[in-house]
Amino acid sequence: MKQWRHPGGKLLALGADKLTDAELLAILISIGIKNKSAEKIAEELLNRVC
């Protein structure tokens, strides 16, 4: 399976139904912070609330 650098590319290629909740949230977050990607931030947020 192809590795994506950002879930936005995966969204365009495969559609929203193929993304995880963390990947979808990462797209909304857009960019990360120093040493932490948007996807990592999204995963941490989901782990706190789920």
Protein backbone atom coordinates (compact mmCIF):
# COMPACT_ATOMS: atom_id res chain seq x y z
CA MET A 1 0.00 0.00 0.00
CA LYS A 2 1.24 3.48 -0.83
CA GLN A 3 2.62 5.58 2.03
CA TRP A 4 1.20 9.10 2.10
CA ARG A 5 3.12 12.13 3.38
CA HIS A 6 -0.14 13.87 4.33
CA PRO A 7 -3.65 12.44 4.47
CA GLY A 8 -4.89 15.07 1.99
CA GLY A 9 -3.27 13.12 -0.84
CA LYS A 10 -4.89 9.93 0.36
CA LEU A 11 -8.25 11.72 0.56
CA LEU A 12 -7.98 12.90 -3.04
CA ALA A 13 -6.86 9.51 -4.35
CA LEU A 14 -9.07 7.14 -2.35
CA GLY A 15 -11.93 9.15 -0.83
CA ALA A 16 -12.92 10.06 2.72
CA ASP A 17 -14.29 6.61 3.52
CA LYS A 18 -10.76 5.17 3.27
CA LEU A 19 -9.27 7.53 5.89
CA THR A 20 -9.09 6.95 9.63
CA ASP A 21 -10.68 9.40 12.05
CA ALA A 22 -7.18 10.65 12.89
CA GLU A 23 -6.39 11.26 9.22
CA LEU A 24 -9.62 13.21 8.69
CA LEU A 25 -8.98 15.28 11.81
CA ALA A 26 -5.40 15.90 10.66
CA ILE A 27 -6.75 17.43 7.45
CA LEU A 28 -8.87 19.83 9.53
CA ILE A 29 -5.90 20.68 11.75
CA SER A 30 -3.94 21.28 8.53
CA ILE A 31 -0.37 21.70 9.71
CA GLY A 32 1.39 20.45 12.78
CA ILE A 33 3.76 22.09 15.17
CA LYS A 34 7.52 21.78 15.50
CA ASN A 35 8.42 18.08 15.80
CA LYS A 36 4.77 16.95 15.70
CA SER A 37 2.70 16.33 12.58
CA ALA A 38 -0.97 17.20 12.25
CA GLU A 39 -1.74 13.48 12.15
CA LYS A 40 0.11 12.89 15.43
CA ILE A 41 -1.80 15.76 17.06
CA ALA A 42 -5.06 14.29 15.77
CA GLU A 43 -4.22 10.85 17.15
CA GLU A 44 -3.41 12.34 20.55
CA LEU A 45 -6.69 14.30 20.60
CA LEU A 46 -8.71 11.22 19.70
CA ASN A 47 -6.95 9.17 22.36
CA ARG A 48 -7.92 11.76 24.98
CA VAL A 49 -11.61 11.89 24.08
CA CYS A 50 -12.33 8.33 22.97
